[in-house]
Protein backbone atom coordinates (compact mmCIF):
# COMPACT_ATOMS: atom_id res chain seq x y z
CA MET A 1 10.69 75.14 -117.78
CA SER A 2 13.76 76.58 -120.30
CA GLY A 3 13.22 73.90 -123.14
CA SER A 4 9.47 73.57 -123.57
CA PRO A 5 8.29 74.57 -126.86
CA VAL A 6 5.22 76.84 -125.58
CA TYR A 7 6.36 79.02 -122.14
CA ARG A 8 9.32 81.47 -122.91
CA PRO A 9 9.03 84.20 -120.96
CA HIS A 10 10.49 87.45 -120.97
CA PRO A 11 12.88 88.85 -118.59
CA GLU A 12 10.59 92.00 -117.46
CA ALA A 13 9.72 93.82 -114.34
CA PRO A 14 7.02 91.57 -111.79
CA ALA A 15 3.37 91.85 -112.92
CA ARG A 16 1.14 94.20 -111.46
CA ALA A 17 -2.70 95.00 -111.59
CA ARG A 18 -3.84 98.63 -110.98
CA LEU A 19 -7.77 98.16 -110.61
CA ARG A 20 -10.20 100.84 -112.44
CA PRO A 21 -13.76 100.53 -111.71
CA CYS A 22 -15.95 99.82 -115.08
CA PRO A 23 -19.74 99.32 -115.65
CA THR A 24 -20.86 95.95 -114.45
CA GLY A 25 -24.20 95.27 -116.78
CA CYS A 26 -24.72 92.53 -113.87
CA PRO A 27 -26.66 93.49 -110.36
CA GLY A 28 -24.96 92.51 -107.09
CA LEU A 29 -21.48 92.67 -108.81
CA THR A 30 -18.75 94.95 -109.01
CA SER A 31 -16.10 94.95 -111.89
CA HIS A 32 -12.96 96.53 -112.49
CA ARG A 33 -10.63 96.54 -115.66
CA PHE A 34 -7.05 96.31 -115.05
CA GLU A 35 -3.82 96.06 -117.11
CA ILE A 36 -0.25 94.32 -117.14
CA VAL A 37 2.31 93.45 -119.46
CA SER A 38 3.54 90.43 -120.78
CA ARG A 39 6.34 89.77 -123.08
CA GLY A 40 6.39 93.38 -123.77
CA ASP A 41 2.34 93.48 -124.75
CA PHE A 42 -0.19 95.32 -122.67
CA VAL A 43 -3.00 92.88 -121.84
CA PRO A 44 -6.41 94.44 -120.93
CA GLY A 45 -8.52 92.55 -118.41
CA ARG A 46 -11.82 92.43 -116.02
CA ILE A 47 -12.26 91.54 -113.01
CA HIS A 48 -15.66 90.75 -110.99
CA LEU A 49 -16.01 91.22 -107.46
CA PRO A 50 -19.09 90.82 -105.06
CA ALA A 51 -20.52 94.21 -104.87
CA ASP A 52 -21.50 93.27 -100.77
CA PRO A 53 -18.57 94.39 -99.06
CA GLU A 54 -19.51 91.06 -96.87
CA PRO A 55 -21.23 88.33 -98.87
CA ALA A 56 -23.21 85.66 -97.42
CA SER A 57 -20.05 83.24 -99.55
CA THR A 58 -17.84 84.45 -96.78
CA GLY A 59 -19.43 86.14 -93.88
CA GLU A 60 -16.48 88.20 -93.41
CA PRO A 61 -15.35 91.49 -95.11
CA ILE A 62 -13.27 91.19 -98.01
CA GLY A 63 -9.70 91.74 -98.20
CA LYS A 64 -6.25 90.67 -96.63
CA ASP A 65 -7.87 89.06 -93.83
CA HIS A 66 -10.97 87.22 -95.90
CA PRO A 67 -9.18 87.08 -99.48
CA LEU A 68 -12.10 85.58 -102.47
CA PRO A 69 -10.88 82.33 -104.38
CA LEU A 70 -9.57 83.21 -107.44
CA LEU A 71 -11.36 81.98 -110.75
CA LEU A 72 -9.41 82.90 -114.33
CA LEU A 73 -11.84 81.84 -116.26
CA GLN A 74 -11.71 82.07 -120.63
CA PRO A 75 -15.25 81.86 -122.60
CA ALA A 76 -14.86 80.67 -125.99
CA SER A 77 -14.15 83.42 -128.71
CA THR A 78 -17.65 82.16 -130.05
CA THR A 79 -19.81 82.51 -126.87
CA ALA A 80 -22.00 85.31 -126.90
CA PRO A 81 -21.82 88.36 -124.66
CA GLU A 82 -24.71 88.18 -123.03
CA ALA A 83 -23.87 84.02 -122.12
CA ASP A 84 -20.05 85.33 -121.14
CA ARG A 85 -22.11 87.58 -118.90
CA ASP A 86 -24.56 85.49 -117.23
CA LEU A 87 -21.62 83.23 -116.30
CA PHE A 88 -19.54 85.70 -114.63
CA SER A 89 -22.12 86.68 -112.34
CA SER A 90 -23.33 82.72 -111.61
CA MET A 91 -19.62 82.70 -110.69
CA VAL A 92 -19.58 85.82 -108.65
CA HIS A 93 -22.74 84.84 -106.76
CA ALA A 94 -21.47 81.36 -106.18
CA GLY A 95 -17.99 83.01 -103.89
CA PHE A 96 -15.23 83.92 -106.22
CA ALA A 97 -13.32 86.73 -107.99
CA VAL A 98 -14.16 86.07 -111.12
CA ALA A 99 -11.10 87.68 -113.75
CA THR A 100 -10.62 87.02 -117.73
CA ILE A 101 -7.96 88.53 -120.24
CA ASP A 102 -7.87 89.82 -123.43
CA LEU A 103 -6.13 87.30 -125.32
CA PRO A 104 -3.57 87.94 -128.19
CA LEU A 105 -5.61 88.69 -131.36
CA HIS A 106 -8.73 88.51 -129.67
CA GLY A 107 -10.87 91.74 -128.10
CA ALA A 108 -9.40 94.94 -127.64
CA ARG A 109 -6.30 93.06 -128.85
CA SER A 110 -7.54 91.96 -132.81
CA SER A 111 -5.74 92.63 -135.51
CA PRO A 112 -8.03 93.32 -138.82
CA LYS A 113 -5.29 91.29 -140.65
CA LEU A 114 -4.05 88.64 -138.52
CA SER A 115 -7.09 88.08 -136.18
CA ALA A 116 -9.23 85.63 -139.17
CA ARG A 117 -5.68 84.33 -139.97
CA LEU A 118 -4.83 83.07 -136.94
CA LEU A 119 -8.35 81.34 -136.20
CA GLU A 120 -7.98 80.25 -139.82
CA GLY A 121 -4.64 78.38 -139.13
CA LEU A 122 -5.87 77.27 -135.71
CA SER A 123 -8.60 75.63 -137.26
CA ARG A 124 -6.56 73.86 -139.67
CA LEU A 125 -4.03 72.45 -137.60
CA ALA A 126 -6.56 71.22 -135.35
CA LEU A 127 -5.79 67.90 -138.23
CA PRO A 128 -2.86 66.06 -137.74
CA GLY A 129 -0.53 65.85 -140.86
CA ALA A 130 -1.95 69.81 -141.48
CA GLU A 131 -0.12 71.53 -144.05
CA VAL A 132 -0.06 75.45 -143.54
CA ASP A 133 2.22 77.92 -144.79
CA CYS A 134 4.81 79.32 -142.77
CA GLU A 135 3.90 82.24 -141.73
CA THR A 136 0.71 81.11 -140.28
CA ARG A 137 1.97 78.13 -138.03
CA ILE A 138 4.28 80.71 -136.57
CA LEU A 139 1.33 83.03 -135.84
CA VAL A 140 -0.39 80.19 -134.14
CA GLU A 141 2.72 79.35 -132.00
CA GLU A 142 3.17 82.33 -130.92
CA PHE A 143 0.00 83.20 -130.19
CA CYS A 144 0.01 79.73 -127.69
CA ARG A 145 3.62 81.57 -126.20
CA GLN A 146 2.16 84.86 -125.82
CA ALA A 147 -1.45 83.58 -124.26
CA THR A 148 0.44 81.49 -121.86
CA SER A 149 2.97 83.73 -120.25
CA ASP A 150 -0.61 86.09 -120.37
CA LEU A 151 -2.00 83.87 -118.24
CA ILE A 152 0.93 83.17 -115.84
CA ARG A 153 1.49 86.77 -115.65
CA THR A 154 -1.95 87.64 -114.88
CA LEU A 155 -1.78 85.69 -111.59
CA ASP A 156 1.20 86.66 -110.50
CA ALA A 157 -0.35 90.13 -110.36
CA LEU A 158 -4.21 89.26 -109.45
CA THR A 159 -2.47 86.68 -106.97
CA ALA A 160 -0.66 90.10 -104.97
CA LEU A 161 -3.80 92.07 -104.36
CA PRO A 162 -4.69 91.20 -100.91
CA LEU A 163 -8.37 90.48 -101.74
CA ILE A 164 -7.15 87.22 -103.71
CA ASP A 165 -6.41 83.75 -101.84
CA ARG A 166 -3.31 82.96 -103.67
CA GLU A 167 -3.67 79.39 -102.39
CA ARG A 168 -7.47 78.79 -104.16
CA ILE A 169 -7.07 79.56 -108.03
CA GLY A 170 -9.56 77.77 -110.55
CA PHE A 171 -9.27 77.91 -114.32
CA PHE A 172 -12.58 77.54 -116.24
CA GLY A 173 -11.57 77.63 -119.93
CA GLN A 174 -13.97 77.47 -123.40
CA GLY A 175 -12.80 76.51 -126.43
CA ILE A 176 -9.60 78.67 -127.42
CA GLY A 177 -9.57 79.68 -123.84
CA GLY A 178 -9.67 76.24 -122.71
CA SER A 179 -7.20 75.11 -125.07
CA VAL A 180 -4.82 77.76 -123.89
CA GLY A 181 -5.37 77.20 -120.49
CA CYS A 182 -3.88 73.52 -120.89
CA HIS A 183 -0.77 74.93 -121.50
CA LEU A 184 -1.14 77.28 -118.46
CA LEU A 185 -1.83 73.90 -116.44
CA ALA A 186 1.26 72.84 -117.90
CA HIS A 187 3.60 75.46 -117.22
CA ASP A 188 1.78 76.78 -113.81
CA GLU A 189 1.70 75.33 -110.71
CA ARG A 190 -0.67 77.30 -108.83
CA THR A 191 -3.86 76.73 -110.23
CA ARG A 192 -6.27 74.06 -107.52
CA ALA A 193 -8.67 73.16 -109.78
CA ALA A 194 -9.77 73.13 -113.71
CA VAL A 195 -12.80 72.89 -115.78
CA LEU A 196 -12.46 72.26 -119.80
CA SER A 197 -14.58 72.68 -122.60
CA SER A 198 -14.82 72.41 -125.90
CA ILE A 199 -11.32 72.65 -126.92
CA LEU A 200 -9.36 72.84 -130.09
CA PRO A 201 -6.89 70.95 -130.67
CA LEU A 202 -3.29 71.33 -131.89
CA ALA A 203 -2.51 67.28 -133.57
CA GLY A 204 -1.14 69.14 -136.80
CA ALA A 205 1.47 71.42 -134.57
CA PRO A 206 2.09 68.07 -131.51
CA GLY A 207 4.33 70.37 -129.71
CA PHE A 208 1.66 72.77 -128.84
CA ASP A 209 -1.33 70.09 -128.89
CA PRO A 210 -2.99 70.60 -125.63
CA THR A 211 -3.75 67.07 -124.80
CA ARG A 212 -0.49 66.44 -124.64
CA GLN A 213 0.45 69.90 -122.58
CA ILE A 214 -2.07 68.57 -120.24
CA SER A 215 -0.64 65.03 -119.14
CA ARG A 216 2.03 67.50 -117.73
CA SER A 217 -0.37 69.85 -114.88
CA THR A 218 0.07 69.34 -111.48
CA VAL A 219 -3.61 70.64 -110.89
CA SER A 220 -5.25 69.25 -107.70
CA SER A 221 -8.83 68.58 -109.34
CA ILE A 222 -10.09 68.83 -113.27
CA LEU A 223 -13.41 68.88 -114.91
CA VAL A 224 -13.71 67.34 -118.26
CA ILE A 225 -17.03 68.68 -119.43
CA GLU A 226 -18.27 66.93 -123.23
CA SER A 227 -21.35 68.51 -124.64
CA GLU A 228 -23.48 66.89 -127.22
CA THR A 229 -23.62 70.67 -128.66
CA ASP A 230 -20.30 70.23 -129.92
CA ASP A 231 -19.21 68.60 -133.49
CA ALA A 232 -18.01 65.24 -133.11
CA GLU A 233 -14.39 65.55 -133.82
CA THR A 234 -14.68 67.89 -130.20
CA ARG A 235 -16.46 65.58 -128.78
CA ASP A 236 -13.35 63.20 -129.71
CA THR A 237 -10.65 65.51 -128.73
CA MET A 238 -12.40 66.24 -125.13
CA ARG A 239 -12.24 62.38 -124.59
CA VAL A 240 -8.72 62.36 -125.40
CA LEU A 241 -8.08 65.04 -123.10
CA PHE A 242 -10.03 63.18 -120.58
CA GLU A 243 -7.64 60.44 -120.40
CA ALA A 244 -4.98 62.24 -120.59
CA ALA A 245 -5.54 64.43 -117.70
CA PRO A 246 -3.88 63.74 -114.48
CA GLU A 247 -5.93 62.47 -111.66
CA PRO A 248 -8.09 62.89 -109.60
CA ARG A 249 -9.92 63.90 -112.96
CA GLU A 250 -13.97 63.87 -113.58
CA ARG A 251 -16.04 64.21 -116.39
CA LEU A 252 -19.28 65.69 -116.93
CA GLU A 253 -21.92 64.88 -120.25
CA LEU A 254 -23.63 67.87 -121.27
CA PRO A 255 -27.07 67.28 -123.46
CA ALA A 256 -27.34 69.84 -126.79
CA VAL A 257 -27.93 73.57 -125.73
CA SER A 258 -28.12 76.77 -128.25
CA GLU A 259 -25.60 78.36 -129.21
CA ALA A 260 -26.08 81.47 -127.23
CA THR A 261 -26.15 79.67 -124.01
CA ARG A 262 -23.19 77.11 -124.86
CA GLY A 263 -20.86 76.21 -122.10
CA SER A 264 -23.11 78.38 -119.94
CA ASP A 265 -26.35 76.53 -119.83
CA GLN A 266 -28.44 75.85 -116.07
CA GLY A 267 -27.49 72.32 -115.31
CA GLY A 268 -23.81 72.22 -116.66
CA ARG A 269 -23.43 75.61 -114.40
CA GLN A 270 -24.46 74.24 -111.61
CA GLU A 271 -22.37 70.91 -111.87
CA ILE A 272 -19.63 72.93 -112.18
CA GLU A 273 -20.28 75.64 -109.61
CA ARG A 274 -20.38 72.52 -107.44
CA PHE A 275 -17.07 70.90 -108.37
CA LEU A 276 -15.02 74.41 -107.79
CA GLN A 277 -16.66 75.26 -105.00
CA LYS A 278 -15.61 72.05 -103.23
CA ALA A 279 -11.95 71.86 -104.73
CA LEU A 280 -11.05 75.12 -103.45
CA GLY A 281 -13.23 74.81 -100.15
CA ILE A 282 -15.77 77.20 -100.69
CA GLN A 283 -18.91 75.35 -98.17
CA ALA A 284 -21.53 74.33 -101.06
CA GLY A 285 -25.02 76.87 -100.76
CA SER A 286 -23.00 79.99 -99.91
CA VAL A 287 -24.42 81.90 -102.28
CA LEU A 288 -24.25 85.93 -102.35
């Protein structure tokens, strides 16, 4: 897609991920750090796996003969760490290998100067006709390009691992994670199922607006979450996103929840698990 304003990959060696064990903080899981190179940047990530080498979700030993479906999960930057851990744990127990990366200017890649400027630019460009200075606009656009490349390169690296089933890939994105997930879905055809929640529009930068990008997706099944916790503008954005998303698509309406559990409340989480399990061929109820 050489004509895309979003995806501009650099010529570089194939992405590789070397897994290094790290503390998990969640029973029943093992966690590993990895690092890939994307457009010259080092991108840190983590992948969470069942601690049991023969999880109940498959009944077979994990390996090249019985690989796990992969869920690439990008939480909202405002989500509490405890909620993230609960969500990772829940999805692993539902039968997935769950991976996440630090997006540009987030987590280990954050910058005291640029991270705040990026968030301000994203917020301002959510409005149509928004005026921002040239440097901020370039920062937002480069964030979208880099994040899209990072996610695609992460899939390249992780699907090369014997323990991952490259034919069963899902994506779950919230907030900014959901916004860049729309770019991923528009520029990579490997994802079979996607869940999107509380995304941030970029109406002030139409070529980078997730609600426009999603229409280019070839994802086989998509779930759009509308939460009463979100403000009115975000709920409107999710309705626009739903209408723009390709069929088959589903909508899940959630009641208001606390900030600490946004996107990961028990009721909504169970619905999300069932949707992803069905889309990726995991027998419902087969959990660790």
